[in-house]
Amino acid sequence: VYLQMNSLKPEDTAVYFCAAAHSYYARPYEYDYWGQGTQ
């Protein structure tokens, strides 16, 4: 899975985590497996 980020702003500074849900569709609170993050 990819995240293309354009027009980046200083407010976008963060650790970004990939997440997986155990469903075909998921709301934000339904993700329960996480990557280690990338700065």
ModelCIF file with pLDDT and N, C-alpha, C, O atoms, coordinates in Angstrom:
data_MODEL
#
_entry.id   MODEL 
#
_entity.id                         1 
_entity.type                       polymer 
_entity.pdbx_number_of_molecules   1 
#
_entity_poly.entity_id                      1 
_entity_poly.type                           'polypeptide(L)' 
_entity_poly.nstd_linkage                   no 
_entity_poly.nstd_monomer                   no 
_entity_poly.pdbx_seq_one_letter_code       VYLQMNSLKPEDTAVYFCAAAHSYYARPYEYDYWGQGTQ 
_entity_poly.pdbx_seq_one_letter_code_can   VYLQMNSLKPEDTAVYFCAAAHSYYARPYEYDYWGQGTQ 
_entity_poly.pdbx_strand_id                 A 
#
loop_
_entity_poly_seq.entity_id 
_entity_poly_seq.num 
_entity_poly_seq.mon_id 
_entity_poly_seq.hetero 
1 1  VAL n 
1 2  TYR n 
1 3  LEU n 
1 4  GLN n 
1 5  MET n 
1 6  ASN n 
1 7  SER n 
1 8  LEU n 
1 9  LYS n 
1 10 PRO n 
1 11 GLU n 
1 12 ASP n 
1 13 THR n 
1 14 ALA n 
1 15 VAL n 
1 16 TYR n 
1 17 PHE n 
1 18 CYS n 
1 19 ALA n 
1 20 ALA n 
1 21 ALA n 
1 22 HIS n 
1 23 SER n 
1 24 TYR n 
1 25 TYR n 
1 26 ALA n 
1 27 ARG n 
1 28 PRO n 
1 29 TYR n 
1 30 GLU n 
1 31 TYR n 
1 32 ASP n 
1 33 TYR n 
1 34 TRP n 
1 35 GLY n 
1 36 GLN n 
1 37 GLY n 
1 38 THR n 
1 39 GLN n 
#
_struct_asym.id          A 
_struct_asym.entity_id   1 
#
loop_
_ma_qa_metric.id 
_ma_qa_metric.mode 
_ma_qa_metric.name 
_ma_qa_metric.software_group_id 
_ma_qa_metric.type 
1 global pLDDT . pLDDT 
2 local  pLDDT . pLDDT 
#
_ma_qa_metric_global.metric_id      1 
_ma_qa_metric_global.metric_value   96.05 
_ma_qa_metric_global.model_id       1 
_ma_qa_metric_global.ordinal_id     1 
#
loop_
_ma_qa_metric_local.label_asym_id 
_ma_qa_metric_local.label_comp_id 
_ma_qa_metric_local.label_seq_id 
_ma_qa_metric_local.metric_id 
_ma_qa_metric_local.metric_value 
_ma_qa_metric_local.model_id 
_ma_qa_metric_local.ordinal_id 
A VAL 1  2 97.00 1 1  
A TYR 2  2 98.00 1 2  
A LEU 3  2 98.00 1 3  
A GLN 4  2 98.00 1 4  
A MET 5  2 98.00 1 5  
A ASN 6  2 98.00 1 6  
A SER 7  2 98.00 1 7  
A LEU 8  2 98.00 1 8  
A LYS 9  2 98.00 1 9  
A PRO 10 2 98.00 1 10 
A GLU 11 2 97.00 1 11 
A ASP 12 2 98.00 1 12 
A THR 13 2 98.00 1 13 
A ALA 14 2 98.00 1 14 
A VAL 15 2 98.00 1 15 
A TYR 16 2 98.00 1 16 
A PHE 17 2 97.00 1 17 
A CYS 18 2 97.00 1 18 
A ALA 19 2 96.00 1 19 
A ALA 20 2 95.00 1 20 
A ALA 21 2 95.00 1 21 
A HIS 22 2 92.00 1 22 
A SER 23 2 93.00 1 23 
A TYR 24 2 95.00 1 24 
A TYR 25 2 95.00 1 25 
A ALA 26 2 95.00 1 26 
A ARG 27 2 95.00 1 27 
A PRO 28 2 94.00 1 28 
A TYR 29 2 94.00 1 29 
A GLU 30 2 95.00 1 30 
A TYR 31 2 95.00 1 31 
A ASP 32 2 90.00 1 32 
A TYR 33 2 92.00 1 33 
A TRP 34 2 94.00 1 34 
A GLY 35 2 95.00 1 35 
A GLN 36 2 95.00 1 36 
A GLY 37 2 96.00 1 37 
A THR 38 2 97.00 1 38 
A GLN 39 2 98.00 1 39 
#
loop_
_atom_site.group_PDB 
_atom_site.id 
_atom_site.type_symbol 
_atom_site.label_atom_id 
_atom_site.label_alt_id 
_atom_site.label_comp_id 
_atom_site.label_asym_id 
_atom_site.label_entity_id 
_atom_site.label_seq_id 
_atom_site.pdbx_PDB_ins_code 
_atom_site.Cartn_x 
_atom_site.Cartn_y 
_atom_site.Cartn_z 
_atom_site.occupancy 
_atom_site.B_iso_or_equiv 
_atom_site.pdbx_formal_charge 
_atom_site.auth_seq_id 
_atom_site.auth_comp_id 
_atom_site.auth_asym_id 
_atom_site.auth_atom_id 
_atom_site.pdbx_PDB_model_num 
ATOM 1   N N  . VAL A 1 1  ? 0.850   -1.174 0.000  1.00 97.00 ? 1  VAL A N  1 
ATOM 2   C CA . VAL A 1 1  ? 0.000   0.000  0.000  1.00 97.00 ? 1  VAL A CA 1 
ATOM 3   C C  . VAL A 1 1  ? 0.895   1.235  0.000  1.00 97.00 ? 1  VAL A C  1 
ATOM 4   O O  . VAL A 1 1  ? 1.976   1.225  0.588  1.00 97.00 ? 1  VAL A O  1 
ATOM 5   N N  . TYR A 1 2  ? 0.443   2.293  -0.658 1.00 98.00 ? 2  TYR A N  1 
ATOM 6   C CA . TYR A 1 2  ? 1.235   3.496  -0.839 1.00 98.00 ? 2  TYR A CA 1 
ATOM 7   C C  . TYR A 1 2  ? 0.499   4.717  -0.312 1.00 98.00 ? 2  TYR A C  1 
ATOM 8   O O  . TYR A 1 2  ? -0.728  4.737  -0.222 1.00 98.00 ? 2  TYR A O  1 
ATOM 9   N N  . LEU A 1 3  ? 1.272   5.725  0.031  1.00 98.00 ? 3  LEU A N  1 
ATOM 10  C CA . LEU A 1 3  ? 0.722   7.031  0.350  1.00 98.00 ? 3  LEU A CA 1 
ATOM 11  C C  . LEU A 1 3  ? 1.546   8.078  -0.382 1.00 98.00 ? 3  LEU A C  1 
ATOM 12  O O  . LEU A 1 3  ? 2.675   8.376  0.006  1.00 98.00 ? 3  LEU A O  1 
ATOM 13  N N  . GLN A 1 4  ? 0.977   8.631  -1.439 1.00 98.00 ? 4  GLN A N  1 
ATOM 14  C CA . GLN A 1 4  ? 1.609   9.719  -2.168 1.00 98.00 ? 4  GLN A CA 1 
ATOM 15  C C  . GLN A 1 4  ? 1.244   11.026 -1.483 1.00 98.00 ? 4  GLN A C  1 
ATOM 16  O O  . GLN A 1 4  ? 0.064   11.353 -1.358 1.00 98.00 ? 4  GLN A O  1 
ATOM 17  N N  . MET A 1 5  ? 2.237   11.769 -1.041 1.00 98.00 ? 5  MET A N  1 
ATOM 18  C CA . MET A 1 5  ? 2.037   13.007 -0.298 1.00 98.00 ? 5  MET A CA 1 
ATOM 19  C C  . MET A 1 5  ? 2.596   14.164 -1.111 1.00 98.00 ? 5  MET A C  1 
ATOM 20  O O  . MET A 1 5  ? 3.800   14.237 -1.354 1.00 98.00 ? 5  MET A O  1 
ATOM 21  N N  . ASN A 1 6  ? 1.724   15.060 -1.524 1.00 98.00 ? 6  ASN A N  1 
ATOM 22  C CA . ASN A 1 6  ? 2.106   16.236 -2.290 1.00 98.00 ? 6  ASN A CA 1 
ATOM 23  C C  . ASN A 1 6  ? 1.812   17.500 -1.492 1.00 98.00 ? 6  ASN A C  1 
ATOM 24  O O  . ASN A 1 6  ? 1.059   17.475 -0.518 1.00 98.00 ? 6  ASN A O  1 
ATOM 25  N N  . SER A 1 7  ? 2.410   18.594 -1.916 1.00 98.00 ? 7  SER A N  1 
ATOM 26  C CA . SER A 1 7  ? 2.195   19.893 -1.272 1.00 98.00 ? 7  SER A CA 1 
ATOM 27  C C  . SER A 1 7  ? 2.366   19.800 0.234  1.00 98.00 ? 7  SER A C  1 
ATOM 28  O O  . SER A 1 7  ? 1.528   20.289 0.992  1.00 98.00 ? 7  SER A O  1 
ATOM 29  N N  . LEU A 1 8  ? 3.439   19.180 0.663  1.00 98.00 ? 8  LEU A N  1 
ATOM 30  C CA . LEU A 1 8  ? 3.657   18.934 2.080  1.00 98.00 ? 8  LEU A CA 1 
ATOM 31  C C  . LEU A 1 8  ? 3.846   20.231 2.856  1.00 98.00 ? 8  LEU A C  1 
ATOM 32  O O  . LEU A 1 8  ? 4.422   21.200 2.359  1.00 98.00 ? 8  LEU A O  1 
ATOM 33  N N  . LYS A 1 9  ? 3.348   20.222 4.078  1.00 98.00 ? 9  LYS A N  1 
ATOM 34  C CA . LYS A 1 9  ? 3.411   21.360 4.976  1.00 98.00 ? 9  LYS A CA 1 
ATOM 35  C C  . LYS A 1 9  ? 4.164   20.974 6.241  1.00 98.00 ? 9  LYS A C  1 
ATOM 36  O O  . LYS A 1 9  ? 4.217   19.792 6.578  1.00 98.00 ? 9  LYS A O  1 
ATOM 37  N N  . PRO A 1 10 ? 4.750   21.940 6.954  1.00 98.00 ? 10 PRO A N  1 
ATOM 38  C CA . PRO A 1 10 ? 5.397   21.601 8.227  1.00 98.00 ? 10 PRO A CA 1 
ATOM 39  C C  . PRO A 1 10 ? 4.463   20.881 9.192  1.00 98.00 ? 10 PRO A C  1 
ATOM 40  O O  . PRO A 1 10 ? 4.918   20.057 9.986  1.00 98.00 ? 10 PRO A O  1 
ATOM 41  N N  . GLU A 1 11 ? 3.178   21.172 9.141  1.00 97.00 ? 11 GLU A N  1 
ATOM 42  C CA . GLU A 1 11 ? 2.207   20.515 10.006 1.00 97.00 ? 11 GLU A CA 1 
ATOM 43  C C  . GLU A 1 11 ? 2.052   19.028 9.713  1.00 97.00 ? 11 GLU A C  1 
ATOM 44  O O  . GLU A 1 11 ? 1.467   18.301 10.516 1.00 97.00 ? 11 GLU A O  1 
ATOM 45  N N  . ASP A 1 12 ? 2.565   18.565 8.578  1.00 98.00 ? 12 ASP A N  1 
ATOM 46  C CA . ASP A 1 12 ? 2.525   17.148 8.247  1.00 98.00 ? 12 ASP A CA 1 
ATOM 47  C C  . ASP A 1 12 ? 3.640   16.356 8.925  1.00 98.00 ? 12 ASP A C  1 
ATOM 48  O O  . ASP A 1 12 ? 3.658   15.128 8.842  1.00 98.00 ? 12 ASP A O  1 
ATOM 49  N N  . THR A 1 13 ? 4.555   17.030 9.583  1.00 98.00 ? 13 THR A N  1 
ATOM 50  C CA . THR A 1 13 ? 5.659   16.353 10.253 1.00 98.00 ? 13 THR A CA 1 
ATOM 51  C C  . THR A 1 13 ? 5.134   15.414 11.327 1.00 98.00 ? 13 THR A C  1 
ATOM 52  O O  . THR A 1 13 ? 4.403   15.831 12.225 1.00 98.00 ? 13 THR A O  1 
ATOM 53  N N  . ALA A 1 14 ? 5.511   14.147 11.231 1.00 98.00 ? 14 ALA A N  1 
ATOM 54  C CA . ALA A 1 14 ? 5.026   13.128 12.161 1.00 98.00 ? 14 ALA A CA 1 
ATOM 55  C C  . ALA A 1 14 ? 5.679   11.802 11.815 1.00 98.00 ? 14 ALA A C  1 
ATOM 56  O O  . ALA A 1 14 ? 6.336   11.664 10.783 1.00 98.00 ? 14 ALA A O  1 
ATOM 57  N N  . VAL A 1 15 ? 5.489   10.834 12.693 1.00 98.00 ? 15 VAL A N  1 
ATOM 58  C CA . VAL A 1 15 ? 5.782   9.453  12.360 1.00 98.00 ? 15 VAL A CA 1 
ATOM 59  C C  . VAL A 1 15 ? 4.544   8.877  11.693 1.00 98.00 ? 15 VAL A C  1 
ATOM 60  O O  . VAL A 1 15 ? 3.445   8.954  12.241 1.00 98.00 ? 15 VAL A O  1 
ATOM 61  N N  . TYR A 1 16 ? 4.720   8.308  10.529 1.00 98.00 ? 16 TYR A N  1 
ATOM 62  C CA . TYR A 1 16 ? 3.616   7.744  9.766  1.00 98.00 ? 16 TYR A CA 1 
ATOM 63  C C  . TYR A 1 16 ? 3.610   6.229  9.914  1.00 98.00 ? 16 TYR A C  1 
ATOM 64  O O  . TYR A 1 16 ? 4.633   5.570  9.727  1.00 98.00 ? 16 TYR A O  1 
ATOM 65  N N  . PHE A 1 17 ? 2.449   5.688  10.252 1.00 97.00 ? 17 PHE A N  1 
ATOM 66  C CA . PHE A 1 17 ? 2.276   4.262  10.492 1.00 97.00 ? 17 PHE A CA 1 
ATOM 67  C C  . PHE A 1 17 ? 1.344   3.653  9.458  1.00 97.00 ? 17 PHE A C  1 
ATOM 68  O O  . PHE A 1 17 ? 0.300   4.219  9.135  1.00 97.00 ? 17 PHE A O  1 
ATOM 69  N N  . CYS A 1 18 ? 1.725   2.517  8.952  1.00 97.00 ? 18 CYS A N  1 
ATOM 70  C CA . CYS A 1 18 ? 0.854   1.695  8.139  1.00 97.00 ? 18 CYS A CA 1 
ATOM 71  C C  . CYS A 1 18 ? 0.021   0.812  9.059  1.00 97.00 ? 18 CYS A C  1 
ATOM 72  O O  . CYS A 1 18 ? 0.511   0.350  10.089 1.00 97.00 ? 18 CYS A O  1 
ATOM 73  N N  . ALA A 1 19 ? -1.236  0.577  8.693  1.00 96.00 ? 19 ALA A N  1 
ATOM 74  C CA . ALA A 1 19 ? -2.127  -0.215 9.532  1.00 96.00 ? 19 ALA A CA 1 
ATOM 75  C C  . ALA A 1 19 ? -2.995  -1.129 8.681  1.00 96.00 ? 19 ALA A C  1 
ATOM 76  O O  . ALA A 1 19 ? -3.324  -0.813 7.538  1.00 96.00 ? 19 ALA A O  1 
ATOM 77  N N  . ALA A 1 20 ? -3.355  -2.259 9.257  1.00 95.00 ? 20 ALA A N  1 
ATOM 78  C CA . ALA A 1 20 ? -4.215  -3.236 8.607  1.00 95.00 ? 20 ALA A CA 1 
ATOM 79  C C  . ALA A 1 20 ? -5.433  -3.519 9.469  1.00 95.00 ? 20 ALA A C  1 
ATOM 80  O O  . ALA A 1 20 ? -5.354  -3.524 10.698 1.00 95.00 ? 20 ALA A O  1 
ATOM 81  N N  . ALA A 1 21 ? -6.554  -3.752 8.815  1.00 95.00 ? 21 ALA A N  1 
ATOM 82  C CA . ALA A 1 21 ? -7.787  -4.146 9.482  1.00 95.00 ? 21 ALA A CA 1 
ATOM 83  C C  . ALA A 1 21 ? -8.168  -5.560 9.085  1.00 95.00 ? 21 ALA A C  1 
ATOM 84  O O  . ALA A 1 21 ? -7.793  -6.036 8.014  1.00 95.00 ? 21 ALA A O  1 
ATOM 85  N N  . HIS A 1 22 ? -8.907  -6.223 9.945  1.00 92.00 ? 22 HIS A N  1 
ATOM 86  C CA . HIS A 1 22 ? -9.388  -7.572 9.657  1.00 92.00 ? 22 HIS A CA 1 
ATOM 87  C C  . HIS A 1 22 ? -10.796 -7.514 9.079  1.00 92.00 ? 22 HIS A C  1 
ATOM 88  O O  . HIS A 1 22 ? -11.726 -8.138 9.590  1.00 92.00 ? 22 HIS A O  1 
ATOM 89  N N  . SER A 1 23 ? -10.925 -6.750 8.003  1.00 93.00 ? 23 SER A N  1 
ATOM 90  C CA . SER A 1 23 ? -12.194 -6.590 7.322  1.00 93.00 ? 23 SER A CA 1 
ATOM 91  C C  . SER A 1 23 ? -11.936 -6.047 5.932  1.00 93.00 ? 23 SER A C  1 
ATOM 92  O O  . SER A 1 23 ? -10.855 -5.527 5.656  1.00 93.00 ? 23 SER A O  1 
ATOM 93  N N  . TYR A 1 24 ? -12.917 -6.163 5.059  1.00 95.00 ? 24 TYR A N  1 
ATOM 94  C CA . TYR A 1 24 ? -12.790 -5.642 3.705  1.00 95.00 ? 24 TYR A CA 1 
ATOM 95  C C  . TYR A 1 24 ? -12.815 -4.122 3.679  1.00 95.00 ? 24 TYR A C  1 
ATOM 96  O O  . TYR A 1 24 ? -12.114 -3.495 2.885  1.00 95.00 ? 24 TYR A O  1 
ATOM 97  N N  . TYR A 1 25 ? -13.618 -3.541 4.540  1.00 95.00 ? 25 TYR A N  1 
ATOM 98  C CA . TYR A 1 25 ? -13.727 -2.101 4.723  1.00 95.00 ? 25 TYR A CA 1 
ATOM 99  C C  . TYR A 1 25 ? -13.476 -1.806 6.190  1.00 95.00 ? 25 TYR A C  1 
ATOM 100 O O  . TYR A 1 25 ? -13.710 -2.660 7.044  1.00 95.00 ? 25 TYR A O  1 
ATOM 101 N N  . ALA A 1 26 ? -13.006 -0.613 6.488  1.00 95.00 ? 26 ALA A N  1 
ATOM 102 C CA . ALA A 1 26 ? -12.699 -0.285 7.872  1.00 95.00 ? 26 ALA A CA 1 
ATOM 103 C C  . ALA A 1 26 ? -12.870 1.203  8.130  1.00 95.00 ? 26 ALA A C  1 
ATOM 104 O O  . ALA A 1 26 ? -12.508 2.040  7.303  1.00 95.00 ? 26 ALA A O  1 
ATOM 105 N N  . ARG A 1 27 ? -13.424 1.514  9.282  1.00 95.00 ? 27 ARG A N  1 
ATOM 106 C CA . ARG A 1 27 ? -13.439 2.868  9.794  1.00 95.00 ? 27 ARG A CA 1 
ATOM 107 C C  . ARG A 1 27 ? -12.141 3.102  10.564 1.00 95.00 ? 27 ARG A C  1 
ATOM 108 O O  . ARG A 1 27 ? -11.443 2.143  10.895 1.00 95.00 ? 27 ARG A O  1 
ATOM 109 N N  . PRO A 1 28 ? -11.807 4.365  10.854 1.00 94.00 ? 28 PRO A N  1 
ATOM 110 C CA . PRO A 1 28 ? -10.503 4.638  11.478 1.00 94.00 ? 28 PRO A CA 1 
ATOM 111 C C  . PRO A 1 28 ? -10.229 3.848  12.754 1.00 94.00 ? 28 PRO A C  1 
ATOM 112 O O  . PRO A 1 28 ? -9.075  3.511  13.021 1.00 94.00 ? 28 PRO A O  1 
ATOM 113 N N  . TYR A 1 29 ? -11.239 3.549  13.537 1.00 94.00 ? 29 TYR A N  1 
ATOM 114 C CA . TYR A 1 29 ? -11.024 2.833  14.794 1.00 94.00 ? 29 TYR A CA 1 
ATOM 115 C C  . TYR A 1 29 ? -10.971 1.320  14.620 1.00 94.00 ? 29 TYR A C  1 
ATOM 116 O O  . TYR A 1 29 ? -10.813 0.600  15.607 1.00 94.00 ? 29 TYR A O  1 
ATOM 117 N N  . GLU A 1 30 ? -11.097 0.825  13.414 1.00 95.00 ? 30 GLU A N  1 
ATOM 118 C CA . GLU A 1 30 ? -11.151 -0.617 13.180 1.00 95.00 ? 30 GLU A CA 1 
ATOM 119 C C  . GLU A 1 30 ? -9.817  -1.211 12.735 1.00 95.00 ? 30 GLU A C  1 
ATOM 120 O O  . GLU A 1 30 ? -9.752  -2.406 12.447 1.00 95.00 ? 30 GLU A O  1 
ATOM 121 N N  . TYR A 1 31 ? -8.780  -0.430 12.672 1.00 95.00 ? 31 TYR A N  1 
ATOM 122 C CA . TYR A 1 31 ? -7.456  -0.951 12.338 1.00 95.00 ? 31 TYR A CA 1 
ATOM 123 C C  . TYR A 1 31 ? -6.780  -1.455 13.609 1.00 95.00 ? 31 TYR A C  1 
ATOM 124 O O  . TYR A 1 31 ? -6.798  -0.775 14.635 1.00 95.00 ? 31 TYR A O  1 
ATOM 125 N N  . ASP A 1 32 ? -6.191  -2.634 13.546 1.00 90.00 ? 32 ASP A N  1 
ATOM 126 C CA . ASP A 1 32 ? -5.662  -3.238 14.759 1.00 90.00 ? 32 ASP A CA 1 
ATOM 127 C C  . ASP A 1 32 ? -4.282  -3.873 14.613 1.00 90.00 ? 32 ASP A C  1 
ATOM 128 O O  . ASP A 1 32 ? -3.805  -4.518 15.546 1.00 90.00 ? 32 ASP A O  1 
ATOM 129 N N  . TYR A 1 33 ? -3.643  -3.706 13.482 1.00 92.00 ? 33 TYR A N  1 
ATOM 130 C CA . TYR A 1 33 ? -2.292  -4.202 13.292 1.00 92.00 ? 33 TYR A CA 1 
ATOM 131 C C  . TYR A 1 33 ? -1.464  -3.098 12.665 1.00 92.00 ? 33 TYR A C  1 
ATOM 132 O O  . TYR A 1 33 ? -1.886  -2.472 11.693 1.00 92.00 ? 33 TYR A O  1 
ATOM 133 N N  . TRP A 1 34 ? -0.272  -2.857 13.228 1.00 94.00 ? 34 TRP A N  1 
ATOM 134 C CA . TRP A 1 34 ? 0.498   -1.661 12.912 1.00 94.00 ? 34 TRP A CA 1 
ATOM 135 C C  . TRP A 1 34 ? 1.926   -1.958 12.515 1.00 94.00 ? 34 TRP A C  1 
ATOM 136 O O  . TRP A 1 34 ? 2.544   -2.899 13.014 1.00 94.00 ? 34 TRP A O  1 
ATOM 137 N N  . GLY A 1 35 ? 2.443   -1.145 11.610 1.00 95.00 ? 35 GLY A N  1 
ATOM 138 C CA . GLY A 1 35 ? 3.851   -1.177 11.290 1.00 95.00 ? 35 GLY A CA 1 
ATOM 139 C C  . GLY A 1 35 ? 4.666   -0.414 12.314 1.00 95.00 ? 35 GLY A C  1 
ATOM 140 O O  . GLY A 1 35 ? 4.129   0.088  13.301 1.00 95.00 ? 35 GLY A O  1 
ATOM 141 N N  . GLN A 1 36 ? 5.963   -0.330 12.075 1.00 95.00 ? 36 GLN A N  1 
ATOM 142 C CA . GLN A 1 36 ? 6.872   0.295  13.031 1.00 95.00 ? 36 GLN A CA 1 
ATOM 143 C C  . GLN A 1 36 ? 6.936   1.811  12.894 1.00 95.00 ? 36 GLN A C  1 
ATOM 144 O O  . GLN A 1 36 ? 7.399   2.493  13.809 1.00 95.00 ? 36 GLN A O  1 
ATOM 145 N N  . GLY A 1 37 ? 6.486   2.338  11.780 1.00 96.00 ? 37 GLY A N  1 
ATOM 146 C CA . GLY A 1 37 ? 6.481   3.766  11.555 1.00 96.00 ? 37 GLY A CA 1 
ATOM 147 C C  . GLY A 1 37 ? 7.684   4.255  10.781 1.00 96.00 ? 37 GLY A C  1 
ATOM 148 O O  . GLY A 1 37 ? 8.764   3.669  10.853 1.00 96.00 ? 37 GLY A O  1 
ATOM 149 N N  . THR A 1 38 ? 7.491   5.333  10.039 1.00 97.00 ? 38 THR A N  1 
ATOM 150 C CA . THR A 1 38 ? 8.574   5.991  9.321  1.00 97.00 ? 38 THR A CA 1 
ATOM 151 C C  . THR A 1 38 ? 8.438   7.500  9.509  1.00 97.00 ? 38 THR A C  1 
ATOM 152 O O  . THR A 1 38 ? 7.341   8.049  9.404  1.00 97.00 ? 38 THR A O  1 
ATOM 153 N N  . GLN A 1 39 ? 9.556   8.163  9.787  1.00 98.00 ? 39 GLN A N  1 
ATOM 154 C CA . GLN A 1 39 ? 9.535   9.583  10.110 1.00 98.00 ? 39 GLN A CA 1 
ATOM 155 C C  . GLN A 1 39 ? 9.445   10.425 8.847  1.00 98.00 ? 39 GLN A C  1 
ATOM 156 O O  . GLN A 1 39 ? 9.416   11.653 8.925  1.00 98.00 ? 39 GLN A O  1 
#
